[in-house]
Protein backbone atom coordinates (compact mmCIF):
# COMPACT_ATOMS: atom_id res chain seq x y z
CA MET A 1 -33.49 19.99 19.71
CA ILE A 2 -29.95 18.59 19.43
CA ASN A 3 -28.39 18.10 22.86
CA THR A 4 -24.81 17.57 21.69
CA ARG A 5 -22.62 16.66 18.74
CA ILE A 6 -19.08 15.47 18.19
CA ARG A 7 -16.96 14.76 15.18
CA SER A 8 -15.89 11.42 13.82
CA PHE A 9 -14.94 10.18 10.31
CA ALA A 10 -16.04 8.05 7.43
CA PHE A 11 -13.59 7.22 4.69
CA SER A 12 -13.15 7.30 0.95
CA GLY A 13 -10.29 4.96 0.55
CA ILE A 14 -7.74 6.39 2.98
CA GLU A 15 -9.13 9.98 2.90
CA PRO A 16 -11.08 10.98 5.97
CA VAL A 17 -14.50 12.52 5.57
CA PRO A 18 -15.79 14.48 8.57
CA VAL A 19 -19.03 13.15 10.12
CA TRP A 20 -21.04 14.89 12.82
CA VAL A 21 -22.44 12.51 15.47
CA GLU A 22 -25.60 14.24 16.73
CA VAL A 23 -27.53 13.06 19.83
CA GLN A 24 -31.03 14.18 20.78
CA VAL A 25 -32.58 13.05 24.09
CA ALA A 26 -36.28 13.97 23.96
CA THR A 27 -39.53 13.10 25.71
CA GLY A 28 -41.38 10.15 24.30
CA LEU A 29 -41.51 6.41 24.50
CA PRO A 30 -38.13 4.95 25.49
CA ALA A 31 -36.11 4.05 22.41
CA PHE A 32 -32.54 4.10 21.21
CA LEU A 33 -32.54 4.80 17.47
CA ILE A 34 -29.72 5.30 14.92
CA VAL A 35 -31.40 6.98 11.90
CA GLY A 36 -30.57 6.24 8.26
CA LEU A 37 -29.52 2.99 6.79
CA PRO A 38 -26.19 2.22 8.42
CA ASP A 39 -24.33 -1.07 7.91
CA LYS A 40 -24.54 -3.84 10.39
CA ALA A 41 -21.60 -2.72 12.54
CA VAL A 42 -23.03 0.83 12.89
CA GLY A 43 -26.48 -0.52 13.66
CA GLU A 44 -25.16 -2.79 16.42
CA ALA A 45 -23.45 0.20 18.08
CA ARG A 46 -26.61 0.90 20.16
CA GLU A 47 -26.22 -2.49 21.90
CA ARG A 48 -22.49 -2.06 22.50
CA VAL A 49 -22.99 1.43 23.84
CA ARG A 50 -25.79 0.39 26.11
CA ALA A 51 -23.82 -2.56 27.49
CA SER A 52 -20.59 -0.60 27.94
CA LEU A 53 -22.39 2.10 29.95
CA ALA A 54 -24.20 -0.47 31.98
CA SER A 55 -20.81 -2.06 32.95
CA LEU A 56 -19.90 1.34 34.45
CA GLY A 57 -23.16 1.47 36.47
CA MET A 58 -24.84 3.99 34.22
CA ALA A 59 -28.41 3.63 32.94
CA LEU A 60 -29.78 5.33 29.92
CA PRO A 61 -32.64 7.80 30.58
CA PRO A 62 -36.10 6.41 30.01
CA LYS A 63 -36.56 8.78 27.03
CA ARG A 64 -36.33 8.72 23.28
CA ILE A 65 -32.70 8.81 22.17
CA LEU A 66 -32.00 9.63 18.59
CA ILE A 67 -28.54 9.28 16.96
CA ASN A 68 -27.96 11.03 13.63
CA LEU A 69 -24.79 10.73 11.57
CA VAL A 70 -24.34 13.82 9.35
CA PRO A 71 -24.24 14.07 6.33
CA ALA A 72 -26.99 11.53 6.11
CA ASP A 73 -26.34 10.66 2.36
CA LEU A 74 -22.72 9.59 3.07
CA GLN A 75 -22.17 5.79 3.38
CA LYS A 76 -20.94 4.99 6.89
CA GLU A 77 -19.50 1.68 7.98
CA GLY A 78 -17.45 0.19 10.70
CA SER A 79 -17.47 0.00 14.45
CA HIS A 80 -15.38 3.09 15.02
CA PHE A 81 -18.53 5.20 15.55
CA ASP A 82 -19.11 3.47 18.89
CA LEU A 83 -16.91 5.79 20.92
CA PRO A 84 -18.22 9.18 19.46
CA ILE A 85 -21.84 7.97 19.90
CA ALA A 86 -21.14 7.04 23.54
CA LEU A 87 -19.34 10.29 24.30
CA ALA A 88 -22.01 12.44 22.66
CA LEU A 89 -24.67 10.52 24.63
CA LEU A 90 -22.79 11.16 27.89
CA ALA A 91 -22.52 14.82 27.10
CA ALA A 92 -26.25 14.94 26.40
CA MET A 93 -26.82 13.28 29.83
CA ASN A 94 -24.54 15.98 31.41
CA VAL A 95 -22.13 13.33 32.56
CA ILE A 96 -19.21 15.06 30.83
CA PRO A 97 -18.98 18.68 29.70
CA GLY A 98 -20.00 19.10 26.05
CA GLU A 99 -17.89 22.27 25.53
CA GLU A 100 -14.59 20.49 26.33
CA LEU A 101 -15.67 17.51 24.27
CA GLY A 102 -16.18 19.81 21.25
CA ARG A 103 -12.43 20.30 20.91
CA TYR A 104 -11.96 16.63 19.93
CA ALA A 105 -12.91 14.06 17.31
CA ALA A 106 -13.42 10.53 18.53
CA PHE A 107 -12.66 7.10 17.01
CA GLY A 108 -12.94 3.62 18.51
CA GLU A 109 -14.92 0.47 19.08
CA LEU A 110 -16.47 -0.38 22.45
CA SER A 111 -16.42 -3.70 24.21
CA LEU A 112 -19.28 -4.79 26.40
CA ASP A 113 -17.17 -4.12 29.49
CA GLY A 114 -16.40 -0.52 28.55
CA THR A 115 -12.86 -1.06 27.18
CA ILE A 116 -11.97 0.56 23.87
CA ASN A 117 -10.71 -1.68 21.07
CA GLY A 118 -8.48 -0.78 18.12
CA VAL A 119 -10.00 -0.10 14.68
CA ALA A 120 -8.64 0.53 11.20
CA ASN A 121 -7.71 3.87 9.72
CA VAL A 122 -6.57 5.59 12.92
CA ILE A 123 -3.72 7.35 11.14
CA SER A 124 -6.05 8.84 8.55
CA ALA A 125 -8.41 9.95 11.37
CA SER A 126 -5.52 11.69 13.03
CA VAL A 127 -4.69 13.46 9.75
CA GLY A 128 -8.36 14.48 9.39
CA ALA A 129 -8.60 15.78 12.93
CA SER A 130 -5.43 17.89 12.41
CA ALA A 131 -6.93 19.37 9.35
CA LEU A 132 -9.99 20.42 11.38
CA GLU A 133 -7.73 21.73 14.23
CA LEU A 134 -9.12 19.12 16.56
CA GLY A 135 -7.61 16.67 18.96
CA LEU A 136 -8.32 13.00 18.67
CA ILE A 137 -9.71 10.49 21.27
CA CYS A 138 -8.60 7.01 20.25
CA PRO A 139 -7.82 3.62 21.84
CA SER A 140 -4.65 3.52 23.88
CA SER A 141 -3.43 0.55 21.91
CA GLN A 142 -3.25 2.78 18.77
CA ALA A 143 -1.63 5.89 20.36
CA ARG A 144 1.55 5.57 18.27
CA GLU A 145 -0.40 5.34 15.08
CA ALA A 146 -2.35 8.46 15.91
CA ILE A 147 0.77 10.43 16.81
CA PHE A 148 2.45 9.41 13.52
CA GLY A 149 -0.52 10.98 11.71
CA GLY A 150 0.72 14.36 12.87
CA ASN A 151 -1.78 15.21 15.62
CA ARG A 152 -0.18 16.43 18.82
CA ASP A 153 -3.38 16.59 20.92
CA ILE A 154 -4.05 12.90 21.41
CA LEU A 155 -6.16 11.36 24.16
CA ALA A 156 -5.37 7.65 24.17
CA THR A 157 -7.72 5.91 26.54
CA PRO A 158 -8.02 2.28 27.53
CA GLY A 159 -11.72 2.48 28.32
CA MET A 160 -14.75 4.57 28.92
CA GLN A 161 -14.04 5.10 32.63
CA ALA A 162 -10.70 6.68 31.97
CA VAL A 163 -12.06 9.12 29.39
CA ILE A 164 -15.06 10.03 31.67
CA SER A 165 -12.64 10.71 34.53
CA HIS A 166 -10.47 12.86 32.28
CA PHE A 167 -13.27 15.20 31.13
CA ARG A 168 -14.57 15.46 34.68
CA GLY A 169 -11.12 16.37 35.99
CA GLU A 170 -10.86 13.47 38.36
CA GLN A 171 -7.84 11.72 36.69
CA VAL A 172 -6.33 13.45 33.67
CA LEU A 173 -4.95 11.20 30.94
CA SER A 174 -1.26 11.61 30.35
CA PRO A 175 -0.16 12.48 26.74
CA PRO A 176 1.03 9.32 24.94
CA ALA A 177 4.75 8.91 24.32
CA GLY A 178 5.55 9.91 20.87
CA ALA A 179 9.09 8.70 20.49
CA ILE A 180 9.59 5.71 18.21
CA CYS A 181 13.01 4.03 18.56
CA GLU A 182 14.79 3.13 15.35
CA ALA A 183 15.10 -0.49 16.71
CA ASP A 184 11.29 -0.65 16.88
CA VAL A 185 10.91 -0.26 13.10
CA GLN A 186 13.78 -2.29 11.76
CA ASP A 187 12.56 -5.23 9.61
CA ALA A 188 14.29 -8.53 9.57
CA ALA A 189 17.41 -8.53 7.42
CA ALA A 190 16.65 -9.03 3.78
CA PRO A 191 18.34 -12.01 2.03
CA ASP A 192 21.63 -11.12 0.33
CA MET A 193 22.48 -10.93 -3.34
CA ALA A 194 25.66 -12.76 -2.68
CA ASP A 195 23.56 -15.99 -2.43
CA VAL A 196 22.63 -15.70 -6.07
CA ARG A 197 25.17 -17.56 -8.36
CA GLY A 198 25.43 -16.85 -12.03
CA MET A 199 22.44 -15.12 -13.62
CA GLU A 200 24.53 -12.09 -14.53
CA SER A 201 21.99 -10.66 -16.98
CA ALA A 202 19.12 -11.13 -14.54
CA ARG A 203 21.15 -9.57 -11.70
CA ARG A 204 21.95 -6.52 -13.86
CA ALA A 205 18.29 -6.23 -14.78
CA ALA A 206 17.33 -6.41 -11.05
CA GLU A 207 19.83 -3.62 -10.29
CA ILE A 208 18.38 -1.39 -12.98
CA ALA A 209 14.85 -2.15 -11.96
CA ALA A 210 15.72 -1.17 -8.24
CA ALA A 211 17.54 1.98 -9.33
CA GLY A 212 14.78 3.40 -11.47
CA GLY A 213 11.65 1.76 -10.06
CA HIS A 214 11.02 -0.19 -13.30
CA SER A 215 8.86 -3.31 -13.81
CA LEU A 216 10.76 -6.58 -14.52
CA LEU A 217 9.78 -9.91 -16.00
CA MET A 218 12.13 -12.90 -15.62
CA CYS A 219 11.51 -15.95 -17.75
CA GLY A 220 13.37 -19.24 -17.44
CA PRO A 221 13.12 -23.00 -16.56
CA PRO A 222 12.09 -23.95 -13.05
CA GLY A 223 14.86 -23.89 -10.49
CA THR A 224 17.05 -21.18 -12.07
CA GLY A 225 16.72 -18.76 -9.22
CA LYS A 226 14.07 -16.28 -10.49
CA SER A 227 12.10 -16.25 -7.20
CA MET A 228 15.32 -16.29 -5.24
CA LEU A 229 16.56 -13.14 -7.09
CA ALA A 230 13.20 -11.40 -6.73
CA ALA A 231 13.22 -11.91 -2.92
CA ARG A 232 16.55 -10.03 -2.81
CA ILE A 233 15.48 -6.93 -4.77
CA PRO A 234 13.80 -5.25 -1.62
CA GLY A 235 17.27 -5.22 -0.01
CA LEU A 236 18.54 -2.98 -2.78
CA LEU A 237 15.91 -0.30 -2.25
CA PRO A 238 16.50 2.77 -0.02
CA ASP A 239 14.31 3.53 2.97
CA LEU A 240 11.08 5.28 2.38
CA SER A 241 10.99 9.07 2.82
CA LEU A 242 8.82 10.52 5.58
CA ARG A 243 6.05 11.39 3.10
CA GLU A 244 6.20 7.84 1.56
CA THR A 245 6.24 6.30 5.08
CA LEU A 246 3.04 8.15 5.96
CA ASP A 247 1.28 7.15 2.74
CA VAL A 248 2.24 3.47 3.09
CA THR A 249 1.41 3.35 6.77
CA ARG A 250 -2.01 4.89 6.18
CA ILE A 251 -2.81 2.12 3.66
CA TYR A 252 -1.72 -0.58 6.02
CA SER A 253 -3.76 1.08 8.85
CA ALA A 254 -6.82 1.09 6.57
CA ALA A 255 -6.33 -2.60 5.89
CA GLY A 256 -5.97 -3.43 9.59
CA LEU A 257 -2.39 -4.63 9.14
CA LEU A 258 -0.64 -2.53 11.78
CA PRO A 259 -1.01 -4.61 14.94
CA SER A 260 2.10 -3.11 16.44
CA GLY A 261 1.19 0.49 15.53
CA LEU A 262 4.72 1.06 14.07
CA PRO A 263 5.21 2.96 10.80
CA VAL A 264 6.32 1.13 7.69
CA ARG A 265 9.76 2.48 7.01
CA ARG A 266 10.97 -0.02 4.43
CA PRO A 267 9.48 -0.49 0.90
CA PRO A 268 6.88 -3.26 1.26
CA PHE A 269 7.20 -6.62 -0.63
CA ARG A 270 4.03 -8.41 -1.47
CA ALA A 271 3.94 -11.80 -3.10
CA PRO A 272 0.34 -13.05 -3.53
CA HIS A 273 -0.30 -16.72 -4.59
CA HIS A 274 -1.30 -17.18 -8.23
CA SER A 275 -4.77 -18.22 -7.08
CA ALA A 276 -5.43 -14.63 -5.97
CA SER A 277 -8.65 -13.09 -7.35
CA GLN A 278 -9.08 -9.73 -8.98
CA PRO A 279 -10.48 -8.10 -5.81
CA ALA A 280 -7.57 -9.45 -3.80
CA LEU A 281 -5.07 -7.92 -6.21
CA ILE A 282 -6.77 -4.63 -7.07
CA GLY A 283 -8.94 -4.15 -3.96
CA GLY A 284 -12.62 -4.36 -3.26
CA GLY A 285 -14.91 -6.59 -1.31
CA ALA A 286 -17.85 -5.51 0.86
CA ARG A 287 -15.98 -2.54 2.36
CA ALA A 288 -13.74 -1.73 -0.64
CA LYS A 289 -10.54 -2.55 1.15
CA PRO A 290 -7.12 -1.97 -0.48
CA GLY A 291 -5.68 -4.89 -2.52
CA GLU A 292 -2.26 -6.15 -3.07
CA VAL A 293 -1.34 -3.39 -5.58
CA SER A 294 -2.00 -0.75 -2.89
CA LEU A 295 -0.28 -2.77 -0.09
CA ALA A 296 2.80 -2.71 -2.34
CA HIS A 297 2.65 1.04 -2.80
CA ARG A 298 6.19 2.44 -2.91
CA GLY A 299 7.48 -1.10 -2.87
CA ILE A 300 7.39 -4.41 -4.88
CA LEU A 301 4.57 -6.56 -6.02
CA PHE A 302 6.06 -9.92 -6.97
CA LEU A 303 3.90 -12.22 -9.13
CA ASP A 304 5.46 -15.65 -9.33
CA GLU A 305 4.18 -18.02 -12.07
CA LEU A 306 2.68 -15.03 -13.90
CA PRO A 307 0.63 -16.89 -16.55
CA GLU A 308 -1.06 -18.99 -13.79
CA PHE A 309 -2.88 -15.96 -12.50
CA SER A 310 -6.35 -15.53 -13.93
CA ARG A 311 -6.67 -13.59 -17.15
CA GLN A 312 -9.19 -11.19 -15.48
CA ALA A 313 -6.81 -10.41 -12.59
CA LEU A 314 -3.85 -9.85 -14.87
CA GLU A 315 -5.75 -7.53 -17.18
CA ALA A 316 -6.94 -5.52 -14.14
CA LEU A 317 -3.30 -4.73 -13.48
CA ARG A 318 -2.94 -2.65 -16.62
CA GLN A 319 -4.51 0.56 -15.23
CA PRO A 320 -2.64 0.58 -11.87
CA VAL A 321 0.73 -0.17 -13.55
CA GLU A 322 0.21 2.85 -15.82
CA THR A 323 -1.44 5.39 -13.44
CA GLY A 324 -0.24 4.47 -9.99
CA GLU A 325 -3.79 4.31 -8.66
CA ALA A 326 -6.34 1.55 -8.00
CA VAL A 327 -9.83 2.79 -8.64
CA ILE A 328 -12.60 0.56 -7.08
CA ALA A 329 -15.97 1.40 -8.52
CA ARG A 330 -19.02 -0.19 -6.94
CA ALA A 331 -22.68 0.66 -6.90
CA ALA A 332 -22.40 1.86 -3.29
CA ALA A 333 -18.82 3.15 -3.29
CA HIS A 334 -16.21 4.74 -5.47
CA VAL A 335 -12.84 4.58 -3.88
CA THR A 336 -9.28 5.39 -5.06
CA TYR A 337 -6.17 3.97 -3.39
CA PRO A 338 -2.58 4.86 -4.30
CA ALA A 339 -0.78 2.04 -6.05
CA ARG A 340 2.63 3.27 -7.22
CA PHE A 341 4.39 -0.11 -7.09
CA GLN A 342 7.12 -1.97 -8.88
CA LEU A 343 5.80 -5.07 -10.71
CA ILE A 344 8.37 -7.94 -10.53
CA ALA A 345 7.15 -11.10 -12.23
CA ALA A 346 8.59 -14.54 -12.99
CA MET A 347 7.38 -17.25 -15.28
CA ASN A 348 8.44 -20.49 -17.00
CA PRO A 349 8.86 -20.50 -20.81
CA CYS A 350 6.02 -23.02 -21.13
CA ARG A 351 3.80 -25.22 -19.04
CA CYS A 352 6.33 -28.05 -18.63
CA GLY A 353 9.05 -25.39 -18.12
CA TYR A 354 11.75 -26.76 -20.35
CA LEU A 355 11.08 -25.23 -23.75
CA GLY A 356 14.39 -25.07 -25.70
CA ASP A 357 15.94 -28.05 -23.85
CA ALA A 358 15.71 -30.88 -26.41
CA ALA A 359 16.32 -33.49 -23.75
CA ARG A 360 13.56 -32.35 -21.45
CA GLU A 361 10.89 -30.41 -23.38
CA CYS A 362 7.60 -31.91 -23.96
CA ARG A 363 6.23 -33.23 -27.30
CA LYS A 364 4.10 -30.14 -27.86
CA ALA A 365 7.07 -27.84 -28.28
CA PRO A 366 7.20 -25.09 -29.53
CA ARG A 367 3.46 -24.75 -29.66
CA CYS A 368 3.19 -25.12 -25.87
CA GLY A 369 5.37 -22.13 -25.33
CA GLU A 370 3.32 -19.98 -27.69
CA ASP A 371 0.13 -21.02 -25.95
CA TYR A 372 1.57 -20.37 -22.50
CA LEU A 373 2.90 -16.92 -23.41
CA GLY A 374 -0.42 -16.21 -25.08
CA LYS A 375 -2.01 -15.94 -21.61
CA LEU A 376 -0.23 -12.68 -21.28
CA SER A 377 -1.80 -9.93 -23.37
CA GLY A 378 0.33 -7.58 -25.58
CA PRO A 379 -0.78 -4.43 -23.62
CA LEU A 380 0.28 -5.98 -20.37
CA LEU A 381 3.74 -7.01 -21.72
CA ASP A 382 4.09 -3.55 -23.22
CA ARG A 383 3.89 -2.11 -19.69
CA ILE A 384 6.86 -4.16 -18.44
CA ASP A 385 10.11 -2.23 -18.81
CA LEU A 386 12.63 -5.01 -18.47
CA GLN A 387 12.29 -8.57 -19.79
CA VAL A 388 15.15 -11.00 -19.26
CA SER A 389 15.82 -14.69 -19.64
CA ALA A 390 17.22 -16.69 -16.68
CA GLU A 391 19.49 -19.49 -17.82
CA PRO A 392 19.96 -22.74 -15.78
CA LEU A 393 23.33 -23.39 -14.06
CA SER A 394 25.19 -26.62 -14.01
CA PRO A 395 26.01 -28.33 -10.71
CA ALA A 396 29.65 -27.27 -11.15
CA ASP A 397 28.56 -23.61 -11.54
CA ILE A 398 26.52 -23.84 -8.34
CA LEU A 399 29.35 -25.52 -6.35
CA TYR A 400 32.48 -23.71 -7.59
CA ALA A 401 31.31 -20.34 -8.87
CA PRO A 402 32.93 -17.43 -6.97
CA PRO A 403 30.70 -15.52 -4.57
CA SER A 404 28.62 -12.84 -6.20
CA GLU A 405 28.52 -9.18 -5.25
CA ASN A 406 26.61 -8.60 -2.04
CA SER A 407 23.50 -6.45 -1.56
CA ALA A 408 25.30 -3.65 0.25
CA ALA A 409 27.53 -2.87 -2.75
CA VAL A 410 24.64 -3.01 -5.23
CA ALA A 411 22.34 -0.96 -2.86
CA ALA A 412 25.06 1.79 -2.64
CA ARG A 413 24.96 2.19 -6.47
CA VAL A 414 21.15 2.11 -6.43
CA LEU A 415 21.10 4.86 -3.70
CA GLU A 416 23.47 7.02 -5.76
CA ALA A 417 21.40 6.61 -8.95
CA ARG A 418 18.15 7.38 -6.98
CA THR A 419 19.74 10.51 -5.53
CA ARG A 420 20.58 11.78 -9.06
CA GLN A 421 17.14 11.15 -10.43
CA TYR A 422 15.30 12.57 -7.38
CA HIS A 423 17.26 15.77 -7.83
CA ARG A 424 16.57 15.88 -11.57
CA ASN A 425 12.92 14.73 -11.49
CA GLU A 426 11.78 16.68 -8.42
CA GLY A 427 11.50 13.65 -6.19
CA ARG A 428 10.17 11.16 -8.71
CA ARG A 429 11.88 7.98 -9.88
CA ASN A 430 12.87 7.48 -13.52
CA ALA A 431 9.97 5.12 -13.98
CA GLU A 432 7.66 8.16 -13.51
CA ALA A 433 9.83 10.72 -15.34
CA ALA A 434 8.66 12.77 -18.34
CA PRO A 435 10.55 12.06 -21.61
CA GLU A 436 11.76 15.64 -21.62
CA ALA A 437 13.80 14.88 -18.54
CA CYS A 438 15.75 12.27 -20.40
CA GLU A 439 18.45 14.25 -22.15
CA THR A 440 20.24 12.30 -24.97
CA THR A 441 23.23 12.78 -27.27
CA GLU A 442 22.66 13.07 -31.00
CA ASP A 443 23.99 9.52 -31.61
CA ALA A 444 21.72 8.13 -28.89
CA ARG A 445 18.70 9.75 -30.49
CA LYS A 446 19.51 8.02 -33.76
CA PHE A 447 19.82 4.67 -32.02
CA LEU A 448 16.45 5.24 -30.30
CA ALA A 449 14.78 6.12 -33.58
CA ASP A 450 16.28 3.03 -35.34
CA ILE A 451 15.39 0.62 -32.53
CA SER A 452 11.83 1.89 -32.19
CA ARG A 453 11.36 1.66 -35.96
CA LYS A 454 12.81 -1.79 -36.28
CA PHE A 455 10.83 -3.31 -33.44
CA ARG A 456 7.72 -1.20 -34.20
CA MET A 457 7.48 -0.04 -30.63
CA SER A 458 4.35 1.75 -29.39
CA ALA A 459 4.65 5.21 -27.93
CA ARG A 460 4.41 3.68 -24.45
CA GLY A 461 7.13 1.16 -25.27
CA PHE A 462 9.41 3.88 -26.60
CA THR A 463 8.87 5.95 -23.53
CA ARG A 464 9.69 3.12 -21.25
CA LEU A 465 12.81 2.26 -23.19
CA LEU A 466 13.92 5.85 -22.83
CA ARG A 467 13.36 5.75 -19.07
CA VAL A 468 15.32 2.57 -18.68
CA ALA A 469 18.18 4.08 -20.69
CA ARG A 470 18.03 7.09 -18.33
CA THR A 471 18.41 4.78 -15.30
CA ILE A 472 21.39 2.97 -16.91
CA ALA A 473 23.02 6.32 -17.51
CA ASP A 474 22.41 7.29 -13.83
CA LEU A 475 24.14 4.06 -12.78
CA ASP A 476 26.91 5.07 -15.08
CA SER A 477 27.03 8.51 -13.41
CA SER A 478 26.35 10.11 -16.82
CA ASP A 479 24.30 13.31 -17.20
CA VAL A 480 23.11 12.36 -20.62
CA ILE A 481 21.98 9.16 -22.28
CA ARG A 482 24.62 7.72 -24.67
CA PRO A 483 24.42 4.94 -27.27
CA PRO A 484 25.65 2.18 -24.95
CA HIS A 485 22.89 3.00 -22.49
CA VAL A 486 20.32 2.81 -25.18
CA LEU A 487 21.67 -0.55 -26.51
CA GLU A 488 21.56 -2.07 -23.07
CA ALA A 489 18.05 -0.85 -22.51
CA ALA A 490 16.90 -2.33 -25.76
CA ALA A 491 18.49 -5.68 -24.94
CA PHE A 492 16.03 -5.90 -22.03
CA ARG A 493 12.94 -5.52 -24.16
CA GLN A 494 12.77 -9.01 -25.69
CA ARG A 495 9.03 -9.17 -26.35
């Protein structure tokens, strides 16, 4: 006979999967069993539950206690099952009323002294509880995360004693404050484009990339400002929409990267070191956590020194760049994370970095440049929309060049172009637009045909060329793609 049951959640990526926590207290030899083959954290829950109840002066009954997590064939992992197990056990012991408890799902980790610690994926649990028309019992430290998930019936509790008192009517928990001040979510000011001297072609490419969500590769000698320019591209991007904010914040919650509990309102900027492994970039590990491509969802993934990344890691980028998803397939798990990111990359023309400079290039030129570029496969380069060379500046250029246009002016043009394409593409950026949405003049179509034939472009390369031309037309406030837009787009496909 099942004494009581309460909902909790397992997860497939960031998608919540409902799990019933069933508790049976029956006659027999004293034992506290969690059936199935749970992971270590779930298996240790019995010790944490026993210790936390003991800290409140409660002893488990000298009977056989059986915990079942339904469905049994679903993989369950993590310490967030502690709280629902403890609450279901208390209901089975008639300490708290089971009927009232049935209106809630529960989510949290127990300390040995009865306090409730924060866990990952609270936002997704809130979304899942709302879909089941249930409230959510969660740690008080993560109340703002839970509210942002859309659930309005939140019981945020600091410990077991508070939640017991609430259900017994002794001291009702107050609803958590849901207001989030704008000042709470403002990121530090992004560096300004006015700091970048020269690099006119690269600056223009960065503006086009920001306006249309396109991928960008900058190639040039060391010290020309490639990384400096890339760090300023996030300041050109508009704030995330409410839907995008929820998606990105859920990913960061699943990765345990929301210590403040505040939503992510600005497009993320991720810049992993070139020693990053394939699981670090794409996702994976023992618990199939999101990787850098998912943490950069709706933002920028910047890969500096691109050829220095491992070949395996770079080739694994091909599918997420194309589909906007990172699929992690393991023997025990098959998880899909969103990964609609902008790839911004920088590289030197060769290993020594000075190919083309007769006074500084190494003795292996030009072979060293061919070998260095050979680390990047053709299919990967074909997925990069904009490719531009960054030329070095002389000391006089650095000292006496007039100030460049600041980020605010460029961001205003980017926002106007984004507004046009969102209206035309039903909320999608040009980087995701269908070719049919890219209306062209007759002359522009002839240019497109001639360029694709001359450079023997693949169908993917032609489509990406068309999308870049559409973004340039948006920046020019043009409703159709004209020949100058096509020519400028073609100038940025050097490889």
